[in-house]
Amino acid sequence: MNVIVVGAGIAGLSTAWSLVKAGHQVSIVEQGPIPNPLAASGDHHRIIRRAYGAASGYGRLITEAYEAWDEMWADLGEHHLDPRGFICISREPGDEAEEYREGMEAGNYPIELFESDAAAKRWRF
């Protein structure tokens, strides 16, 4: 099958890579240079996380995304994912940080919880 992918950001290039791996002929159309500094994925601050609060379906898809990325990095012979944790601070019951925690716990993903005194000792701001 011949496929045209519109956009050469991370989503478009990943889609094109996947289609080529599946044996399809792929052309990519991009309005600017590659990488495009105006693209949504054009900076250096992209994140991938399992914590999505009530949108737990996203969290479940992340495992598949990590596996696909590992395969893509192997194909490219390069690795551009810098895995790090993140800090979420809950200021009041039921806030977004609490929703993230609930999603992580529901998916049985690793998480460390710190009470405010312990967090203040570990991360001195």
PDB file of N, CA and C in Angstrom:
ATOM      1  N   MET A   1       0.841  -1.169   0.000  1.00  0.00           N
ATOM      2  CA  MET A   1       0.000   0.000   0.000  1.00  0.00           C
ATOM      3  C   MET A   1       0.893   1.242   0.000  1.00  0.00           C
ATOM      4  N   ASN A   2       0.508   2.252  -0.752  1.00  0.00           N
ATOM      5  CA  ASN A   2       1.188   3.539  -0.750  1.00  0.00           C
ATOM      6  C   ASN A   2       0.476   4.460   0.229  1.00  0.00           C
ATOM      7  N   VAL A   3       1.250   5.076   1.124  1.00  0.00           N
ATOM      8  CA  VAL A   3       0.676   5.925   2.164  1.00  0.00           C
ATOM      9  C   VAL A   3       1.403   7.259   2.175  1.00  0.00           C
ATOM     10  N   ILE A   4       0.651   8.336   2.323  1.00  0.00           N
ATOM     11  CA  ILE A   4       1.231   9.666   2.511  1.00  0.00           C
ATOM     12  C   ILE A   4       0.987  10.063   3.957  1.00  0.00           C
ATOM     13  N   VAL A   5       2.046  10.424   4.660  1.00  0.00           N
ATOM     14  CA  VAL A   5       1.946  10.901   6.035  1.00  0.00           C
ATOM     15  C   VAL A   5       2.145  12.410   6.000  1.00  0.00           C
ATOM     16  N   VAL A   6       1.190  13.136   6.547  1.00  0.00           N
ATOM     17  CA  VAL A   6       1.268  14.594   6.585  1.00  0.00           C
ATOM     18  C   VAL A   6       1.832  15.004   7.938  1.00  0.00           C
ATOM     19  N   GLY A   7       3.000  15.621   7.909  1.00  0.00           N
ATOM     20  CA  GLY A   7       3.654  16.090   9.122  1.00  0.00           C
ATOM     21  C   GLY A   7       4.821  15.202   9.500  1.00  0.00           C
ATOM     22  N   ALA A   8       5.976  15.820   9.710  1.00  0.00           N
ATOM     23  CA  ALA A   8       7.185  15.075  10.056  1.00  0.00           C
ATOM     24  C   ALA A   8       7.642  15.392  11.471  1.00  0.00           C
ATOM     25  N   GLY A   9       6.661  15.598  12.356  1.00  0.00           N
ATOM     26  CA  GLY A   9       6.974  15.699  13.777  1.00  0.00           C
ATOM     27  C   GLY A   9       7.126  14.298  14.335  1.00  0.00           C
ATOM     28  N   ILE A  10       7.172  14.191  15.635  1.00  0.00           N
ATOM     29  CA  ILE A  10       7.373  12.877  16.249  1.00  0.00           C
ATOM     30  C   ILE A  10       6.256  11.907  15.892  1.00  0.00           C
ATOM     31  N   ALA A  11       5.016  12.381  15.840  1.00  0.00           N
ATOM     32  CA  ALA A  11       3.898  11.486  15.513  1.00  0.00           C
ATOM     33  C   ALA A  11       3.970  11.034  14.057  1.00  0.00           C
ATOM     34  N   GLY A  12       4.223  11.972  13.149  1.00  0.00           N
ATOM     35  CA  GLY A  12       4.290  11.626  11.733  1.00  0.00           C
ATOM     36  C   GLY A  12       5.456  10.713  11.406  1.00  0.00           C
ATOM     37  N   LEU A  13       6.634  11.032  11.938  1.00  0.00           N
ATOM     38  CA  LEU A  13       7.805  10.197  11.663  1.00  0.00           C
ATOM     39  C   LEU A  13       7.664   8.809  12.284  1.00  0.00           C
ATOM     40  N   SER A  14       7.105   8.744  13.484  1.00  0.00           N
ATOM     41  CA  SER A  14       6.890   7.439  14.115  1.00  0.00           C
ATOM     42  C   SER A  14       5.887   6.610  13.328  1.00  0.00           C
ATOM     43  N   THR A  15       4.841   7.264  12.841  1.00  0.00           N
ATOM     44  CA  THR A  15       3.847   6.573  12.025  1.00  0.00           C
ATOM     45  C   THR A  15       4.476   6.060  10.737  1.00  0.00           C
ATOM     46  N   ALA A  16       5.273   6.908  10.087  1.00  0.00           N
ATOM     47  CA  ALA A  16       5.942   6.505   8.847  1.00  0.00           C
ATOM     48  C   ALA A  16       6.873   5.321   9.098  1.00  0.00           C
ATOM     49  N   TRP A  17       7.640   5.370  10.161  1.00  0.00           N
ATOM     50  CA  TRP A  17       8.552   4.271  10.510  1.00  0.00           C
ATOM     51  C   TRP A  17       7.771   2.973  10.686  1.00  0.00           C
ATOM     52  N   SER A  18       6.664   3.046  11.426  1.00  0.00           N
ATOM     53  CA  SER A  18       5.851   1.861  11.672  1.00  0.00           C
ATOM     54  C   SER A  18       5.278   1.290  10.375  1.00  0.00           C
ATOM     55  N   LEU A  19       4.822   2.167   9.491  1.00  0.00           N
ATOM     56  CA  LEU A  19       4.265   1.717   8.211  1.00  0.00           C
ATOM     57  C   LEU A  19       5.331   1.063   7.332  1.00  0.00           C
ATOM     58  N   VAL A  20       6.520   1.646   7.292  1.00  0.00           N
ATOM     59  CA  VAL A  20       7.620   1.060   6.515  1.00  0.00           C
ATOM     60  C   VAL A  20       7.971  -0.319   7.081  1.00  0.00           C
ATOM     61  N   LYS A  21       8.016  -0.436   8.414  1.00  0.00           N
ATOM     62  CA  LYS A  21       8.305  -1.728   9.044  1.00  0.00           C
ATOM     63  C   LYS A  21       7.265  -2.774   8.652  1.00  0.00           C
ATOM     64  N   ALA A  22       6.036  -2.319   8.400  1.00  0.00           N
ATOM     65  CA  ALA A  22       4.955  -3.234   8.014  1.00  0.00           C
ATOM     66  C   ALA A  22       4.948  -3.516   6.518  1.00  0.00           C
ATOM     67  N   GLY A  23       5.926  -2.942   5.773  1.00  0.00           N
ATOM     68  CA  GLY A  23       6.056  -3.241   4.353  1.00  0.00           C
ATOM     69  C   GLY A  23       5.372  -2.282   3.404  1.00  0.00           C
ATOM     70  N   HIS A  24       4.913  -1.145   3.891  1.00  0.00           N
ATOM     71  CA  HIS A  24       4.225  -0.181   3.032  1.00  0.00           C
ATOM     72  C   HIS A  24       5.205   0.829   2.437  1.00  0.00           C
ATOM     73  N   GLN A  25       4.823   1.413   1.312  1.00  0.00           N
ATOM     74  CA  GLN A  25       5.581   2.503   0.700  1.00  0.00           C
ATOM     75  C   GLN A  25       5.072   3.804   1.320  1.00  0.00           C
ATOM     76  N   VAL A  26       5.972   4.622   1.843  1.00  0.00           N
ATOM     77  CA  VAL A  26       5.550   5.815   2.579  1.00  0.00           C
ATOM     78  C   VAL A  26       6.231   7.058   2.031  1.00  0.00           C
ATOM     79  N   SER A  27       5.441   8.107   1.857  1.00  0.00           N
ATOM     80  CA  SER A  27       5.955   9.443   1.544  1.00  0.00           C
ATOM     81  C   SER A  27       5.534  10.358   2.683  1.00  0.00           C
ATOM     82  N   ILE A  28       6.424  11.272   3.059  1.00  0.00           N
ATOM     83  CA  ILE A  28       6.131  12.217   4.140  1.00  0.00           C
ATOM     84  C   ILE A  28       6.077  13.617   3.557  1.00  0.00           C
ATOM     85  N   VAL A  29       5.053  14.366   3.929  1.00  0.00           N
ATOM     86  CA  VAL A  29       4.901  15.752   3.501  1.00  0.00           C
ATOM     87  C   VAL A  29       5.008  16.629   4.743  1.00  0.00           C
ATOM     88  N   GLU A  30       5.887  17.611   4.704  1.00  0.00           N
ATOM     89  CA  GLU A  30       6.086  18.518   5.838  1.00  0.00           C
ATOM     90  C   GLU A  30       6.145  19.940   5.309  1.00  0.00           C
ATOM     91  N   GLN A  31       5.492  20.867   5.991  1.00  0.00           N
ATOM     92  CA  GLN A  31       5.441  22.257   5.533  1.00  0.00           C
ATOM     93  C   GLN A  31       6.736  23.031   5.774  1.00  0.00           C
ATOM     94  N   GLY A  32       7.584  22.540   6.639  1.00  0.00           N
ATOM     95  CA  GLY A  32       8.806  23.274   6.949  1.00  0.00           C
ATOM     96  C   GLY A  32      10.006  22.352   6.957  1.00  0.00           C
ATOM     97  N   PRO A  33      11.123  22.846   7.485  1.00  0.00           N
ATOM     98  CA  PRO A  33      12.328  22.019   7.562  1.00  0.00           C
ATOM     99  C   PRO A  33      12.138  20.891   8.580  1.00  0.00           C
ATOM    100  N   ILE A  34      12.969  19.868   8.456  1.00  0.00           N
ATOM    101  CA  ILE A  34      12.944  18.762   9.411  1.00  0.00           C
ATOM    102  C   ILE A  34      14.272  18.772  10.158  1.00  0.00           C
ATOM    103  N   PRO A  35      14.293  18.934  11.462  1.00  0.00           N
ATOM    104  CA  PRO A  35      13.131  19.147  12.313  1.00  0.00           C
ATOM    105  C   PRO A  35      12.580  20.565  12.148  1.00  0.00           C
ATOM    106  N   ASN A  36      11.282  20.688  12.280  1.00  0.00           N
ATOM    107  CA  ASN A  36      10.608  21.972  12.121  1.00  0.00           C
ATOM    108  C   ASN A  36      10.553  22.680  13.474  1.00  0.00           C
ATOM    109  N   PRO A  37      11.208  23.837  13.593  1.00  0.00           N
ATOM    110  CA  PRO A  37      11.215  24.540  14.882  1.00  0.00           C
ATOM    111  C   PRO A  37       9.830  25.021  15.310  1.00  0.00           C
ATOM    112  N   LEU A  38       8.869  25.027  14.403  1.00  0.00           N
ATOM    113  CA  LEU A  38       7.512  25.457  14.742  1.00  0.00           C
ATOM    114  C   LEU A  38       6.600  24.284  15.108  1.00  0.00           C
ATOM    115  N   ALA A  39       7.101  23.069  15.004  1.00  0.00           N
ATOM    116  CA  ALA A  39       6.289  21.882  15.283  1.00  0.00           C
ATOM    117  C   ALA A  39       6.063  21.719  16.786  1.00  0.00           C
ATOM    118  N   ALA A  40       5.003  21.017  17.130  1.00  0.00           N
ATOM    119  CA  ALA A  40       4.698  20.762  18.539  1.00  0.00           C
ATOM    120  C   ALA A  40       5.821  19.988  19.220  1.00  0.00           C
ATOM    121  N   SER A  41       6.516  19.142  18.477  1.00  0.00           N
ATOM    122  CA  SER A  41       7.606  18.361  19.064  1.00  0.00           C
ATOM    123  C   SER A  41       8.963  18.960  18.714  1.00  0.00           C
ATOM    124  N   GLY A  42       8.992  20.261  18.466  1.00  0.00           N
ATOM    125  CA  GLY A  42      10.221  20.900  18.010  1.00  0.00           C
ATOM    126  C   GLY A  42      11.176  21.340  19.094  1.00  0.00           C
ATOM    127  N   ASP A  43      10.775  21.264  20.357  1.00  0.00           N
ATOM    128  CA  ASP A  43      11.702  21.689  21.404  1.00  0.00           C
ATOM    129  C   ASP A  43      12.323  20.465  22.077  1.00  0.00           C
ATOM    130  N   HIS A  44      12.955  20.668  23.198  1.00  0.00           N
ATOM    131  CA  HIS A  44      13.664  19.585  23.874  1.00  0.00           C
ATOM    132  C   HIS A  44      12.954  19.137  25.146  1.00  0.00           C
ATOM    133  N   HIS A  45      11.680  19.441  25.282  1.00  0.00           N
ATOM    134  CA  HIS A  45      11.004  19.200  26.552  1.00  0.00           C
ATOM    135  C   HIS A  45       9.766  18.336  26.402  1.00  0.00           C
ATOM    136  N   ARG A  46       9.874  17.279  25.654  1.00  0.00           N
ATOM    137  CA  ARG A  46       8.755  16.348  25.519  1.00  0.00           C
ATOM    138  C   ARG A  46       8.760  15.416  26.719  1.00  0.00           C
ATOM    139  N   ILE A  47       7.607  15.008  27.161  1.00  0.00           N
ATOM    140  CA  ILE A  47       7.538  14.061  28.270  1.00  0.00           C
ATOM    141  C   ILE A  47       6.665  12.880  27.876  1.00  0.00           C
ATOM    142  N   ILE A  48       6.936  11.779  28.494  1.00  0.00           N
ATOM    143  CA  ILE A  48       6.071  10.608  28.397  1.00  0.00           C
ATOM    144  C   ILE A  48       5.871  10.154  29.828  1.00  0.00           C
ATOM    145  N   ARG A  49       4.644   9.887  30.178  1.00  0.00           N
ATOM    146  CA  ARG A  49       4.360   9.527  31.559  1.00  0.00           C
ATOM    147  C   ARG A  49       3.209   8.536  31.605  1.00  0.00           C
ATOM    148  N   ARG A  50       3.135   7.819  32.701  1.00  0.00           N
ATOM    149  CA  ARG A  50       2.023   6.905  32.929  1.00  0.00           C
ATOM    150  C   ARG A  50       0.912   7.584  33.722  1.00  0.00           C
ATOM    151  N   ALA A  51       1.226   8.672  34.374  1.00  0.00           N
ATOM    152  CA  ALA A  51       0.266   9.352  35.242  1.00  0.00           C
ATOM    153  C   ALA A  51      -0.651  10.244  34.414  1.00  0.00           C
ATOM    154  N   TYR A  52      -1.888   9.833  34.277  1.00  0.00           N
ATOM    155  CA  TYR A  52      -2.874  10.630  33.551  1.00  0.00           C
ATOM    156  C   TYR A  52      -4.170  10.776  34.328  1.00  0.00           C
ATOM    157  N   GLY A  53      -4.146  10.499  35.602  1.00  0.00           N
ATOM    158  CA  GLY A  53      -5.345  10.660  36.408  1.00  0.00           C
ATOM    159  C   GLY A  53      -6.490   9.815  35.905  1.00  0.00           C
ATOM    160  N   ALA A  54      -7.631  10.455  35.682  1.00  0.00           N
ATOM    161  CA  ALA A  54      -8.839   9.739  35.275  1.00  0.00           C
ATOM    162  C   ALA A  54      -8.714   9.136  33.875  1.00  0.00           C
ATOM    163  N   ALA A  55      -7.808   9.646  33.067  1.00  0.00           N
ATOM    164  CA  ALA A  55      -7.620   9.142  31.698  1.00  0.00           C
ATOM    165  C   ALA A  55      -6.654   7.956  31.727  1.00  0.00           C
ATOM    166  N   SER A  56      -6.996   6.919  32.472  1.00  0.00           N
ATOM    167  CA  SER A  56      -6.080   5.801  32.694  1.00  0.00           C
ATOM    168  C   SER A  56      -5.782   5.007  31.430  1.00  0.00           C
ATOM    169  N   GLY A  57      -6.603   5.143  30.399  1.00  0.00           N
ATOM    170  CA  GLY A  57      -6.330   4.455  29.141  1.00  0.00           C
ATOM    171  C   GLY A  57      -4.999   4.879  28.557  1.00  0.00           C
ATOM    172  N   TYR A  58      -4.655   6.161  28.708  1.00  0.00           N
ATOM    173  CA  TYR A  58      -3.357   6.636  28.239  1.00  0.00           C
ATOM    174  C   TYR A  58      -2.235   5.915  28.971  1.00  0.00           C
ATOM    175  N   GLY A  59      -2.351   5.792  30.263  1.00  0.00           N
ATOM    176  CA  GLY A  59      -1.321   5.125  31.047  1.00  0.00           C
ATOM    177  C   GLY A  59      -1.075   3.704  30.580  1.00  0.00           C
ATOM    178  N   ARG A  60      -2.149   2.995  30.232  1.00  0.00           N
ATOM    179  CA  ARG A  60      -1.996   1.614  29.752  1.00  0.00           C
ATOM    180  C   ARG A  60      -1.292   1.564  28.400  1.00  0.00           C
ATOM    181  N   LEU A  61      -1.492   2.577  27.578  1.00  0.00           N
ATOM    182  CA  LEU A  61      -0.862   2.595  26.256  1.00  0.00           C
ATOM    183  C   LEU A  61       0.628   2.912  26.319  1.00  0.00           C
ATOM    184  N   ILE A  62       1.076   3.492  27.418  1.00  0.00           N
ATOM    185  CA  ILE A  62       2.476   3.899  27.524  1.00  0.00           C
ATOM    186  C   ILE A  62       3.412   2.697  27.455  1.00  0.00           C
ATOM    187  N   THR A  63       3.023   1.570  28.033  1.00  0.00           N
ATOM    188  CA  THR A  63       3.872   0.377  27.959  1.00  0.00           C
ATOM    189  C   THR A  63       4.122  -0.006  26.510  1.00  0.00           C
ATOM    190  N   GLU A  64       3.073   0.010  25.701  1.00  0.00           N
ATOM    191  CA  GLU A  64       3.216  -0.290  24.271  1.00  0.00           C
ATOM    192  C   GLU A  64       4.100   0.754  23.589  1.00  0.00           C
ATOM    193  N   ALA A  65       3.951   2.010  23.975  1.00  0.00           N
ATOM    194  CA  ALA A  65       4.772   3.073  23.385  1.00  0.00           C
ATOM    195  C   ALA A  65       6.244   2.872  23.720  1.00  0.00           C
ATOM    196  N   TYR A  66       6.549   2.550  24.975  1.00  0.00           N
ATOM    197  CA  TYR A  66       7.939   2.297  25.355  1.00  0.00           C
ATOM    198  C   TYR A  66       8.524   1.144  24.541  1.00  0.00           C
ATOM    199  N   GLU A  67       7.766   0.081  24.373  1.00  0.00           N
ATOM    200  CA  GLU A  67       8.247  -1.071  23.600  1.00  0.00           C
ATOM    201  C   GLU A  67       8.506  -0.687  22.147  1.00  0.00           C
ATOM    202  N   ALA A  68       7.607   0.093  21.563  1.00  0.00           N
ATOM    203  CA  ALA A  68       7.793   0.537  20.174  1.00  0.00           C
ATOM    204  C   ALA A  68       9.006   1.448  20.068  1.00  0.00           C
ATOM    205  N   TRP A  69       9.183   2.330  21.027  1.00  0.00           N
ATOM    206  CA  TRP A  69      10.337   3.224  20.981  1.00  0.00           C
ATOM    207  C   TRP A  69      11.634   2.443  21.111  1.00  0.00           C
ATOM    208  N   ASP A  70      11.673   1.446  21.991  1.00  0.00           N
ATOM    209  CA  ASP A  70      12.883   0.623  22.112  1.00  0.00           C
ATOM    210  C   ASP A  70      13.228  -0.027  20.777  1.00  0.00           C
ATOM    211  N   GLU A  71      12.208  -0.506  20.072  1.00  0.00           N
ATOM    212  CA  GLU A  71      12.428  -1.106  18.750  1.00  0.00           C
ATOM    213  C   GLU A  71      12.930  -0.051  17.759  1.00  0.00           C
ATOM    214  N   MET A  72      12.339   1.141  17.801  1.00  0.00           N
ATOM    215  CA  MET A  72      12.753   2.206  16.889  1.00  0.00           C
ATOM    216  C   MET A  72      14.194   2.632  17.172  1.00  0.00           C
ATOM    217  N   TRP A  73      14.544   2.787  18.464  1.00  0.00           N
ATOM    218  CA  TRP A  73      15.926   3.172  18.795  1.00  0.00           C
ATOM    219  C   TRP A  73      16.896   2.113  18.288  1.00  0.00           C
ATOM    220  N   ALA A  74      16.543   0.845  18.424  1.00  0.00           N
ATOM    221  CA  ALA A  74      17.405  -0.241  17.943  1.00  0.00           C
ATOM    222  C   ALA A  74      17.589  -0.141  16.432  1.00  0.00           C
ATOM    223  N   ASP A  75      16.513   0.146  15.703  1.00  0.00           N
ATOM    224  CA  ASP A  75      16.603   0.304  14.246  1.00  0.00           C
ATOM    225  C   ASP A  75      17.491   1.482  13.870  1.00  0.00           C
ATOM    226  N   LEU A  76      17.374   2.564  14.620  1.00  0.00           N
ATOM    227  CA  LEU A  76      18.141   3.775  14.310  1.00  0.00           C
ATOM    228  C   LEU A  76      19.587   3.692  14.776  1.00  0.00           C
ATOM    229  N   GLY A  77      19.856   2.818  15.728  1.00  0.00           N
ATOM    230  CA  GLY A  77      21.196   2.755  16.300  1.00  0.00           C
ATOM    231  C   GLY A  77      21.489   3.948  17.187  1.00  0.00           C
ATOM    232  N   GLU A  78      20.458   4.633  17.610  1.00  0.00           N
ATOM    233  CA  GLU A  78      20.580   5.801  18.490  1.00  0.00           C
ATOM    234  C   GLU A  78      19.485   5.724  19.538  1.00  0.00           C
ATOM    235  N   HIS A  79      19.679   6.458  20.611  1.00  0.00           N
ATOM    236  CA  HIS A  79      18.666   6.480  21.669  1.00  0.00           C
ATOM    237  C   HIS A  79      18.463   7.926  22.101  1.00  0.00           C
ATOM    238  N   HIS A  80      17.238   8.399  21.982  1.00  0.00           N
ATOM    239  CA  HIS A  80      16.960   9.799  22.301  1.00  0.00           C
ATOM    240  C   HIS A  80      15.943   9.963  23.419  1.00  0.00           C
ATOM    241  N   LEU A  81      15.767   8.947  24.220  1.00  0.00           N
ATOM    242  CA  LEU A  81      14.866   9.036  25.363  1.00  0.00           C
ATOM    243  C   LEU A  81      15.710   9.043  26.622  1.00  0.00           C
ATOM    244  N   ASP A  82      15.524  10.042  27.443  1.00  0.00           N
ATOM    245  CA  ASP A  82      16.258  10.166  28.695  1.00  0.00           C
ATOM    246  C   ASP A  82      15.274   9.883  29.833  1.00  0.00           C
ATOM    247  N   PRO A  83      15.192   8.627  30.279  1.00  0.00           N
ATOM    248  CA  PRO A  83      14.184   8.284  31.280  1.00  0.00           C
ATOM    249  C   PRO A  83      14.498   8.890  32.647  1.00  0.00           C
ATOM    250  N   ARG A  84      13.557   9.625  33.158  1.00  0.00           N
ATOM    251  CA  ARG A  84      13.683  10.237  34.477  1.00  0.00           C
ATOM    252  C   ARG A  84      12.341  10.169  35.167  1.00  0.00           C
ATOM    253  N   GLY A  85      12.362  10.319  36.434  1.00  0.00           N
ATOM    254  CA  GLY A  85      11.118  10.375  37.184  1.00  0.00           C
ATOM    255  C   GLY A  85      10.550  11.783  37.144  1.00  0.00           C
ATOM    256  N   PHE A  86       9.483  11.982  37.877  1.00  0.00           N
ATOM    257  CA  PHE A  86       8.940  13.327  38.000  1.00  0.00           C
ATOM    258  C   PHE A  86       8.342  13.487  39.384  1.00  0.00           C
ATOM    259  N   ILE A  87       8.219  14.726  39.776  1.00  0.00           N
ATOM    260  CA  ILE A  87       7.666  15.054  41.083  1.00  0.00           C
ATOM    261  C   ILE A  87       6.312  15.707  40.876  1.00  0.00           C
ATOM    262  N   CYS A  88       5.344  15.244  41.607  1.00  0.00           N
ATOM    263  CA  CYS A  88       4.007  15.831  41.593  1.00  0.00           C
ATOM    264  C   CYS A  88       3.694  16.219  43.032  1.00  0.00           C
ATOM    265  N   ILE A  89       3.333  17.444  43.258  1.00  0.00           N
ATOM    266  CA  ILE A  89       3.060  17.921  44.612  1.00  0.00           C
ATOM    267  C   ILE A  89       1.570  18.164  44.769  1.00  0.00           C
ATOM    268  N   SER A  90       0.997  17.503  45.753  1.00  0.00           N
ATOM    269  CA  SER A  90      -0.428  17.667  46.031  1.00  0.00           C
ATOM    270  C   SER A  90      -0.597  18.751  47.088  1.00  0.00           C
ATOM    271  N   ARG A  91      -1.406  19.740  46.763  1.00  0.00           N
ATOM    272  CA  ARG A  91      -1.640  20.841  47.700  1.00  0.00           C
ATOM    273  C   ARG A  91      -2.952  20.694  48.461  1.00  0.00           C
ATOM    274  N   GLU A  92      -3.877  19.916  47.897  1.00  0.00           N
ATOM    275  CA  GLU A  92      -5.166  19.736  48.562  1.00  0.00           C
ATOM    276  C   GLU A  92      -5.780  18.422  48.105  1.00  0.00           C
ATOM    277  N   PRO A  93      -6.609  17.826  48.933  1.00  0.00           N
ATOM    278  CA  PRO A  93      -7.236  16.554  48.561  1.00  0.00           C
ATOM    279  C   PRO A  93      -8.019  16.671  47.255  1.00  0.00           C
ATOM    280  N   GLY A  94      -7.854  15.652  46.403  1.00  0.00           N
ATOM    281  CA  GLY A  94      -8.602  15.608  45.151  1.00  0.00           C
ATOM    282  C   GLY A  94      -8.012  16.420  44.018  1.00  0.00           C
ATOM    283  N   ASP A  95      -6.830  17.016  44.208  1.00  0.00           N
ATOM    284  CA  ASP A  95      -6.242  17.813  43.123  1.00  0.00           C
ATOM    285  C   ASP A  95      -5.623  16.899  42.065  1.00  0.00           C
ATOM    286  N   GLU A  96      -5.047  17.505  41.032  1.00  0.00           N
ATOM    287  CA  GLU A  96      -4.518  16.734  39.906  1.00  0.00           C
ATOM    288  C   GLU A  96      -3.426  15.756  40.335  1.00  0.00           C
ATOM    289  N   ALA A  97      -2.585  16.161  41.264  1.00  0.00           N
ATOM    290  CA  ALA A  97      -1.527  15.267  41.739  1.00  0.00           C
ATOM    291  C   ALA A  97      -2.127  14.018  42.383  1.00  0.00           C
ATOM    292  N   GLU A  98      -3.202  14.191  43.112  1.00  0.00           N
ATOM    293  CA  GLU A  98      -3.887  13.040  43.722  1.00  0.00           C
ATOM    294  C   GLU A  98      -4.458  12.127  42.642  1.00  0.00           C
ATOM    295  N   GLU A  99      -5.000  12.707  41.578  1.00  0.00           N
ATOM    296  CA  GLU A  99      -5.527  11.905  40.471  1.00  0.00           C
ATOM    297  C   GLU A  99      -4.405  11.121  39.796  1.00  0.00           C
ATOM    298  N   TYR A 100      -3.244  11.754  39.623  1.00  0.00           N
ATOM    299  CA  TYR A 100      -2.099  11.051  39.044  1.00  0.00           C
ATOM    300  C   TYR A 100      -1.711   9.862  39.926  1.00  0.00           C
ATOM    301  N   ARG A 101      -1.633  10.103  41.237  1.00  0.00           N
ATOM    302  CA  ARG A 101      -1.275   9.030  42.168  1.00  0.00           C
ATOM    303  C   ARG A 101      -2.261   7.873  42.050  1.00  0.00           C
ATOM    304  N   GLU A 102      -3.548   8.195  42.027  1.00  0.00           N
ATOM    305  CA  GLU A 102      -4.568   7.149  41.923  1.00  0.00           C
ATOM    306  C   GLU A 102      -4.409   6.345  40.631  1.00  0.00           C
ATOM    307  N   GLY A 103      -4.102   7.020  39.535  1.00  0.00           N
ATOM    308  CA  GLY A 103      -3.891   6.328  38.266  1.00  0.00           C
ATOM    309  C   GLY A 103      -2.672   5.425  38.300  1.00  0.00           C
ATOM    310  N   MET A 104      -1.601   5.902  38.924  1.00  0.00           N
ATOM    311  CA  MET A 104      -0.391   5.085  39.045  1.00  0.00           C
ATOM    312  C   MET A 104      -0.666   3.847  39.895  1.00  0.00           C
ATOM    313  N   GLU A 105      -1.373   4.041  40.996  1.00  0.00           N
ATOM    314  CA  GLU A 105      -1.692   2.912  41.865  1.00  0.00           C
ATOM    315  C   GLU A 105      -2.632   1.929  41.169  1.00  0.00           C
ATOM    316  N   ALA A 106      -3.623   2.439  40.450  1.00  0.00           N
ATOM    317  CA  ALA A 106      -4.577   1.573  39.751  1.00  0.00           C
ATOM    318  C   ALA A 106      -3.880   0.720  38.692  1.00  0.00           C
ATOM    319  N   GLY A 107      -2.838   1.263  38.054  1.00  0.00           N
ATOM    320  CA  GLY A 107      -2.101   0.524  37.037  1.00  0.00           C
ATOM    321  C   GLY A 107      -0.965  -0.308  37.590  1.00  0.00           C
ATOM    322  N   ASN A 108      -0.787  -0.280  38.917  1.00  0.00           N
ATOM    323  CA  ASN A 108       0.316  -1.000  39.578  1.00  0.00           C
ATOM    324  C   ASN A 108       1.682  -0.558  39.072  1.00  0.00           C
ATOM    325  N   TYR A 109       1.835   0.740  38.797  1.00  0.00           N
ATOM    326  CA  TYR A 109       3.119   1.287  38.369  1.00  0.00           C
ATOM    327  C   TYR A 109       3.893   1.753  39.593  1.00  0.00           C
ATOM    328  N   PRO A 110       5.218   1.698  39.541  1.00  0.00           N
ATOM    329  CA  PRO A 110       6.009   2.101  40.706  1.00  0.00           C
ATOM    330  C   PRO A 110       5.823   3.581  41.025  1.00  0.00           C
ATOM    331  N   ILE A 111       5.712   3.864  42.302  1.00  0.00           N
ATOM    332  CA  ILE A 111       5.520   5.241  42.756  1.00  0.00           C
ATOM    333  C   ILE A 111       6.069   5.341  44.178  1.00  0.00           C
ATOM    334  N   GLU A 112       6.671   6.465  44.501  1.00  0.00           N
ATOM    335  CA  GLU A 112       7.121   6.736  45.861  1.00  0.00           C
ATOM    336  C   GLU A 112       6.309   7.904  46.392  1.00  0.00           C
ATOM    337  N   LEU A 113       5.768   7.745  47.577  1.00  0.00           N
ATOM    338  CA  LEU A 113       5.015   8.818  48.210  1.00  0.00           C
ATOM    339  C   LEU A 113       5.820   9.369  49.377  1.00  0.00           C
ATOM    340  N   PHE A 114       5.836  10.683  49.509  1.00  0.00           N
ATOM    341  CA  PHE A 114       6.547  11.343  50.591  1.00  0.00           C
ATOM    342  C   PHE A 114       5.601  12.300  51.298  1.00  0.00           C
ATOM    343  N   GLU A 115       5.604  12.247  52.603  1.00  0.00           N
ATOM    344  CA  GLU A 115       4.902  13.274  53.367  1.00  0.00           C
ATOM    345  C   GLU A 115       5.704  14.563  53.233  1.00  0.00           C
ATOM    346  N   SER A 116       5.085  15.692  53.535  1.00  0.00           N
ATOM    347  CA  SER A 116       5.722  16.986  53.262  1.00  0.00           C
ATOM    348  C   SER A 116       7.072  17.144  53.948  1.00  0.00           C
ATOM    349  N   ASP A 117       7.218  16.716  55.199  1.00  0.00           N
ATOM    350  CA  ASP A 117       8.500  16.864  55.896  1.00  0.00           C
ATOM    351  C   ASP A 117       9.603  16.055  55.216  1.00  0.00           C
ATOM    352  N   ALA A 118       9.298  14.813  54.842  1.00  0.00           N
ATOM    353  CA  ALA A 118      10.291  13.959  54.179  1.00  0.00           C
ATOM    354  C   ALA A 118      10.653  14.515  52.807  1.00  0.00           C
ATOM    355  N   ALA A 119       9.667  15.026  52.087  1.00  0.00           N
ATOM    356  CA  ALA A 119       9.940  15.612  50.767  1.00  0.00           C
ATOM    357  C   ALA A 119      10.810  16.854  50.900  1.00  0.00           C
ATOM    358  N   ALA A 120      10.540  17.684  51.897  1.00  0.00           N
ATOM    359  CA  ALA A 120      11.329  18.907  52.096  1.00  0.00           C
ATOM    360  C   ALA A 120      12.780  18.579  52.423  1.00  0.00           C
ATOM    361  N   LYS A 121      13.015  17.490  53.135  1.00  0.00           N
ATOM    362  CA  LYS A 121      14.392  17.087  53.443  1.00  0.00           C
ATOM    363  C   LYS A 121      15.103  16.545  52.207  1.00  0.00           C
ATOM    364  N   ARG A 122      14.370  15.815  51.378  1.00  0.00           N
ATOM    365  CA  ARG A 122      14.993  15.207  50.192  1.00  0.00           C
ATOM    366  C   ARG A 122      15.237  16.229  49.091  1.00  0.00           C
ATOM    367  N   TRP A 123      14.288  17.107  48.858  1.00  0.00           N
ATOM    368  CA  TRP A 123      14.403  18.113  47.801  1.00  0.00           C
ATOM    369  C   TRP A 123      14.327  19.494  48.433  1.00  0.00           C
ATOM    370  N   ARG A 124      15.457  20.062  48.697  1.00  0.00           N
ATOM    371  CA  ARG A 124      15.508  21.377  49.357  1.00  0.00           C
ATOM    372  C   ARG A 124      15.361  22.473  48.312  1.00  0.00           C
ATOM    373  N   PHE A 125      14.220  23.108  48.300  1.00  0.00           N
ATOM    374  CA  PHE A 125      13.959  24.186  47.342  1.00  0.00           C
ATOM    375  C   PHE A 125      14.236  25.517  47.987  1.00  0.00           C
TER     376      PHE A 125
END
